[in-house]
Amino acid sequence: MMIATFNLETARNGDVYRAARLAMLTQQVMRHIERTDASAQKVEQVLATLAEANALVRR
């Protein structure tokens, strides 16, 4: 088990800090990917609706 240090220089360059920062960044990237995917699905749905509407107008 690693014990955190009170020395800020050591803490910022230490393994615990790097691991925690990596975990936070990974979660942030995952949230962005999920939001982007949700937005892309909405765009696909709207485009499908638009294509149907255009098909009805052309008849």
PDB file of N, CA and C in Angstrom:
ATOM      1  N   MET A   1       0.840  -1.181   0.000  1.00  0.00           N
ATOM      2  CA  MET A   1       0.000   0.000   0.000  1.00  0.00           C
ATOM      3  C   MET A   1       0.886   1.245   0.000  1.00  0.00           C
ATOM      4  N   MET A   2       0.523   2.218  -0.829  1.00  0.00           N
ATOM      5  CA  MET A   2       1.311   3.448  -0.910  1.00  0.00           C
ATOM      6  C   MET A   2       0.722   4.502   0.030  1.00  0.00           C
ATOM      7  N   ILE A   3       1.588   5.259   0.644  1.00  0.00           N
ATOM      8  CA  ILE A   3       1.160   6.327   1.541  1.00  0.00           C
ATOM      9  C   ILE A   3       1.458   7.658   0.864  1.00  0.00           C
ATOM     10  N   ALA A   4       0.446   8.530   0.837  1.00  0.00           N
ATOM     11  CA  ALA A   4       0.617   9.840   0.216  1.00  0.00           C
ATOM     12  C   ALA A   4       1.610  10.670   1.022  1.00  0.00           C
ATOM     13  N   THR A   5       2.285  11.540   0.344  1.00  0.00           N
ATOM     14  CA  THR A   5       3.284  12.393   0.987  1.00  0.00           C
ATOM     15  C   THR A   5       2.751  13.809   1.116  1.00  0.00           C
ATOM     16  N   PHE A   6       3.317  14.563   2.030  1.00  0.00           N
ATOM     17  CA  PHE A   6       2.934  15.954   2.202  1.00  0.00           C
ATOM     18  C   PHE A   6       3.801  16.879   1.352  1.00  0.00           C
ATOM     19  N   ASN A   7       4.844  16.341   0.767  1.00  0.00           N
ATOM     20  CA  ASN A   7       5.713  17.121  -0.106  1.00  0.00           C
ATOM     21  C   ASN A   7       5.016  17.223  -1.468  1.00  0.00           C
ATOM     22  N   LEU A   8       4.635  18.443  -1.874  1.00  0.00           N
ATOM     23  CA  LEU A   8       3.849  18.625  -3.096  1.00  0.00           C
ATOM     24  C   LEU A   8       4.606  18.201  -4.359  1.00  0.00           C
ATOM     25  N   GLU A   9       5.884  18.444  -4.405  1.00  0.00           N
ATOM     26  CA  GLU A   9       6.667  18.048  -5.585  1.00  0.00           C
ATOM     27  C   GLU A   9       6.660  16.530  -5.752  1.00  0.00           C
ATOM     28  N   THR A  10       6.867  15.827  -4.659  1.00  0.00           N
ATOM     29  CA  THR A  10       6.861  14.367  -4.711  1.00  0.00           C
ATOM     30  C   THR A  10       5.461  13.859  -5.010  1.00  0.00           C
ATOM     31  N   ALA A  11       4.462  14.497  -4.422  1.00  0.00           N
ATOM     32  CA  ALA A  11       3.075  14.063  -4.621  1.00  0.00           C
ATOM     33  C   ALA A  11       2.657  14.223  -6.082  1.00  0.00           C
ATOM     34  N   ARG A  12       3.023  15.318  -6.722  1.00  0.00           N
ATOM     35  CA  ARG A  12       2.623  15.565  -8.105  1.00  0.00           C
ATOM     36  C   ARG A  12       3.353  14.664  -9.093  1.00  0.00           C
ATOM     37  N   ASN A  13       4.495  14.203  -8.745  1.00  0.00           N
ATOM     38  CA  ASN A  13       5.262  13.341  -9.639  1.00  0.00           C
ATOM     39  C   ASN A  13       5.198  11.875  -9.230  1.00  0.00           C
ATOM     40  N   GLY A  14       4.432  11.580  -8.209  1.00  0.00           N
ATOM     41  CA  GLY A  14       4.386  10.219  -7.684  1.00  0.00           C
ATOM     42  C   GLY A  14       3.423   9.320  -8.439  1.00  0.00           C
ATOM     43  N   ASP A  15       3.531   8.042  -8.159  1.00  0.00           N
ATOM     44  CA  ASP A  15       2.703   7.035  -8.813  1.00  0.00           C
ATOM     45  C   ASP A  15       1.226   7.181  -8.455  1.00  0.00           C
ATOM     46  N   VAL A  16       0.955   7.527  -7.211  1.00  0.00           N
ATOM     47  CA  VAL A  16      -0.438   7.652  -6.773  1.00  0.00           C
ATOM     48  C   VAL A  16      -1.120   8.796  -7.518  1.00  0.00           C
ATOM     49  N   TYR A  17      -0.435   9.925  -7.626  1.00  0.00           N
ATOM     50  CA  TYR A  17      -1.000  11.076  -8.332  1.00  0.00           C
ATOM     51  C   TYR A  17      -1.243  10.733  -9.793  1.00  0.00           C
ATOM     52  N   ARG A  18      -0.275  10.113 -10.437  1.00  0.00           N
ATOM     53  CA  ARG A  18      -0.413   9.749 -11.852  1.00  0.00           C
ATOM     54  C   ARG A  18      -1.560   8.783 -12.071  1.00  0.00           C
ATOM     55  N   ALA A  19      -1.689   7.810 -11.198  1.00  0.00           N
ATOM     56  CA  ALA A  19      -2.771   6.829 -11.319  1.00  0.00           C
ATOM     57  C   ALA A  19      -4.134   7.493 -11.126  1.00  0.00           C
ATOM     58  N   ALA A  20      -4.233   8.380 -10.150  1.00  0.00           N
ATOM     59  CA  ALA A  20      -5.499   9.078  -9.911  1.00  0.00           C
ATOM     60  C   ALA A  20      -5.838   9.994 -11.074  1.00  0.00           C
ATOM     61  N   ARG A  21      -4.863  10.689 -11.581  1.00  0.00           N
ATOM     62  CA  ARG A  21      -5.082  11.600 -12.720  1.00  0.00           C
ATOM     63  C   ARG A  21      -5.498  10.813 -13.958  1.00  0.00           C
ATOM     64  N   LEU A  22      -4.854   9.690 -14.199  1.00  0.00           N
ATOM     65  CA  LEU A  22      -5.201   8.853 -15.336  1.00  0.00           C
ATOM     66  C   LEU A  22      -6.630   8.333 -15.206  1.00  0.00           C
ATOM     67  N   ALA A  23      -7.019   7.940 -14.015  1.00  0.00           N
ATOM     68  CA  ALA A  23      -8.384   7.454 -13.792  1.00  0.00           C
ATOM     69  C   ALA A  23      -9.403   8.558 -14.060  1.00  0.00           C
ATOM     70  N   MET A  24      -9.119   9.770 -13.598  1.00  0.00           N
ATOM     71  CA  MET A  24     -10.030  10.893 -13.837  1.00  0.00           C
ATOM     72  C   MET A  24     -10.125  11.212 -15.323  1.00  0.00           C
ATOM     73  N   LEU A  25      -8.997  11.241 -16.011  1.00  0.00           N
ATOM     74  CA  LEU A  25      -9.005  11.541 -17.441  1.00  0.00           C
ATOM     75  C   LEU A  25      -9.716  10.451 -18.238  1.00  0.00           C
ATOM     76  N   THR A  26      -9.540   9.204 -17.825  1.00  0.00           N
ATOM     77  CA  THR A  26     -10.222   8.097 -18.493  1.00  0.00           C
ATOM     78  C   THR A  26     -11.729   8.240 -18.352  1.00  0.00           C
ATOM     79  N   GLN A  27     -12.195   8.559 -17.162  1.00  0.00           N
ATOM     80  CA  GLN A  27     -13.630   8.761 -16.946  1.00  0.00           C
ATOM     81  C   GLN A  27     -14.148   9.928 -17.776  1.00  0.00           C
ATOM     82  N   GLN A  28     -13.377  10.988 -17.865  1.00  0.00           N
ATOM     83  CA  GLN A  28     -13.773  12.163 -18.637  1.00  0.00           C
ATOM     84  C   GLN A  28     -13.890  11.818 -20.122  1.00  0.00           C
ATOM     85  N   VAL A  29     -12.941  11.071 -20.638  1.00  0.00           N
ATOM     86  CA  VAL A  29     -12.984  10.665 -22.041  1.00  0.00           C
ATOM     87  C   VAL A  29     -14.199   9.770 -22.292  1.00  0.00           C
ATOM     88  N   MET A  30     -14.467   8.853 -21.379  1.00  0.00           N
ATOM     89  CA  MET A  30     -15.622   7.967 -21.539  1.00  0.00           C
ATOM     90  C   MET A  30     -16.933   8.755 -21.557  1.00  0.00           C
ATOM     91  N   ARG A  31     -17.044   9.751 -20.682  1.00  0.00           N
ATOM     92  CA  ARG A  31     -18.253  10.596 -20.682  1.00  0.00           C
ATOM     93  C   ARG A  31     -18.400  11.341 -21.996  1.00  0.00           C
ATOM     94  N   HIS A  32     -17.302  11.869 -22.521  1.00  0.00           N
ATOM     95  CA  HIS A  32     -17.353  12.584 -23.796  1.00  0.00           C
ATOM     96  C   HIS A  32     -17.758  11.648 -24.933  1.00  0.00           C
ATOM     97  N   ILE A  33     -17.229  10.445 -24.931  1.00  0.00           N
ATOM     98  CA  ILE A  33     -17.579   9.470 -25.966  1.00  0.00           C
ATOM     99  C   ILE A  33     -19.065   9.126 -25.887  1.00  0.00           C
ATOM    100  N   GLU A  34     -19.570   8.914 -24.678  1.00  0.00           N
ATOM    101  CA  GLU A  34     -20.986   8.590 -24.510  1.00  0.00           C
ATOM    102  C   GLU A  34     -21.877   9.739 -24.967  1.00  0.00           C
ATOM    103  N   ARG A  35     -21.497  10.968 -24.628  1.00  0.00           N
ATOM    104  CA  ARG A  35     -22.289  12.124 -25.062  1.00  0.00           C
ATOM    105  C   ARG A  35     -22.242  12.293 -26.571  1.00  0.00           C
ATOM    106  N   THR A  36     -21.079  12.072 -27.160  1.00  0.00           N
ATOM    107  CA  THR A  36     -20.948  12.179 -28.615  1.00  0.00           C
ATOM    108  C   THR A  36     -21.784  11.110 -29.302  1.00  0.00           C
ATOM    109  N   ASP A  37     -21.780   9.904 -28.765  1.00  0.00           N
ATOM    110  CA  ASP A  37     -22.569   8.816 -29.327  1.00  0.00           C
ATOM    111  C   ASP A  37     -24.057   9.130 -29.251  1.00  0.00           C
ATOM    112  N   ALA A  38     -24.511   9.651 -28.122  1.00  0.00           N
ATOM    113  CA  ALA A  38     -25.919  10.015 -27.964  1.00  0.00           C
ATOM    114  C   ALA A  38     -26.308  11.106 -28.958  1.00  0.00           C
ATOM    115  N   SER A  39     -25.447  12.084 -29.141  1.00  0.00           N
ATOM    116  CA  SER A  39     -25.722  13.159 -30.098  1.00  0.00           C
ATOM    117  C   SER A  39     -25.762  12.627 -31.517  1.00  0.00           C
ATOM    118  N   ALA A  40     -24.861  11.722 -31.852  1.00  0.00           N
ATOM    119  CA  ALA A  40     -24.836  11.143 -33.193  1.00  0.00           C
ATOM    120  C   ALA A  40     -26.107  10.344 -33.459  1.00  0.00           C
ATOM    121  N   GLN A  41     -26.603   9.639 -32.458  1.00  0.00           N
ATOM    122  CA  GLN A  41     -27.847   8.884 -32.627  1.00  0.00           C
ATOM    123  C   GLN A  41     -29.022   9.815 -32.873  1.00  0.00           C
ATOM    124  N   LYS A  42     -29.055  10.946 -32.177  1.00  0.00           N
ATOM    125  CA  LYS A  42     -30.124  11.927 -32.396  1.00  0.00           C
ATOM    126  C   LYS A  42     -30.059  12.479 -33.815  1.00  0.00           C
ATOM    127  N   VAL A  43     -28.861  12.771 -34.290  1.00  0.00           N
ATOM    128  CA  VAL A  43     -28.691  13.285 -35.646  1.00  0.00           C
ATOM    129  C   VAL A  43     -29.163  12.249 -36.665  1.00  0.00           C
ATOM    130  N   GLU A  44     -28.811  10.991 -36.450  1.00  0.00           N
ATOM    131  CA  GLU A  44     -29.244   9.933 -37.364  1.00  0.00           C
ATOM    132  C   GLU A  44     -30.763   9.827 -37.398  1.00  0.00           C
ATOM    133  N   GLN A  45     -31.421   9.953 -36.245  1.00  0.00           N
ATOM    134  CA  GLN A  45     -32.877   9.884 -36.194  1.00  0.00           C
ATOM    135  C   GLN A  45     -33.506  11.048 -36.953  1.00  0.00           C
ATOM    136  N   VAL A  46     -32.969  12.238 -36.770  1.00  0.00           N
ATOM    137  CA  VAL A  46     -33.511  13.417 -37.451  1.00  0.00           C
ATOM    138  C   VAL A  46     -33.284  13.302 -38.960  1.00  0.00           C
ATOM    139  N   LEU A  47     -32.136  12.805 -39.363  1.00  0.00           N
ATOM    140  CA  LEU A  47     -31.874  12.623 -40.793  1.00  0.00           C
ATOM    141  C   LEU A  47     -32.821  11.599 -41.411  1.00  0.00           C
ATOM    142  N   ALA A  48     -33.127  10.545 -40.667  1.00  0.00           N
ATOM    143  CA  ALA A  48     -34.080   9.549 -41.168  1.00  0.00           C
ATOM    144  C   ALA A  48     -35.459  10.172 -41.324  1.00  0.00           C
ATOM    145  N   THR A  49     -35.863  10.992 -40.357  1.00  0.00           N
ATOM    146  CA  THR A  49     -37.150  11.688 -40.444  1.00  0.00           C
ATOM    147  C   THR A  49     -37.164  12.635 -41.636  1.00  0.00           C
ATOM    148  N   LEU A  50     -36.077  13.338 -41.858  1.00  0.00           N
ATOM    149  CA  LEU A  50     -35.982  14.257 -42.994  1.00  0.00           C
ATOM    150  C   LEU A  50     -36.051  13.505 -44.312  1.00  0.00           C
ATOM    151  N   ALA A  51     -35.381  12.378 -44.388  1.00  0.00           N
ATOM    152  CA  ALA A  51     -35.424  11.582 -45.617  1.00  0.00           C
ATOM    153  C   ALA A  51     -36.830  11.097 -45.894  1.00  0.00           C
ATOM    154  N   GLU A  52     -37.562  10.680 -44.856  1.00  0.00           N
ATOM    155  CA  GLU A  52     -38.950  10.250 -45.038  1.00  0.00           C
ATOM    156  C   GLU A  52     -39.817  11.413 -45.506  1.00  0.00           C
ATOM    157  N   ALA A  53     -39.622  12.569 -44.913  1.00  0.00           N
ATOM    158  CA  ALA A  53     -40.410  13.745 -45.310  1.00  0.00           C
ATOM    159  C   ALA A  53     -40.111  14.129 -46.748  1.00  0.00           C
ATOM    160  N   ASN A  54     -38.856  14.074 -47.151  1.00  0.00           N
ATOM    161  CA  ASN A  54     -38.502  14.406 -48.532  1.00  0.00           C
ATOM    162  C   ASN A  54     -39.104  13.381 -49.504  1.00  0.00           C
ATOM    163  N   ALA A  55     -39.137  12.129 -49.102  1.00  0.00           N
ATOM    164  CA  ALA A  55     -39.727  11.099 -49.958  1.00  0.00           C
ATOM    165  C   ALA A  55     -41.210  11.342 -50.147  1.00  0.00           C
ATOM    166  N   LEU A  56     -41.909  11.797 -49.121  1.00  0.00           N
ATOM    167  CA  LEU A  56     -43.335  12.070 -49.224  1.00  0.00           C
ATOM    168  C   LEU A  56     -43.598  13.278 -50.119  1.00  0.00           C
ATOM    169  N   VAL A  57     -42.752  14.291 -50.049  1.00  0.00           N
ATOM    170  CA  VAL A  57     -42.928  15.507 -50.844  1.00  0.00           C
ATOM    171  C   VAL A  57     -42.710  15.219 -52.328  1.00  0.00           C
ATOM    172  N   ARG A  58     -41.794  14.346 -52.648  1.00  0.00           N
ATOM    173  CA  ARG A  58     -41.457  14.059 -54.048  1.00  0.00           C
ATOM    174  C   ARG A  58     -42.510  13.210 -54.745  1.00  0.00           C
ATOM    175  N   ARG A  59     -43.422  12.617 -54.020  1.00  0.00           N
ATOM    176  CA  ARG A  59     -44.443  11.762 -54.634  1.00  0.00           C
ATOM    177  C   ARG A  59     -45.481  12.546 -55.325  1.00  0.00           C
TER     178      ARG A  59
END
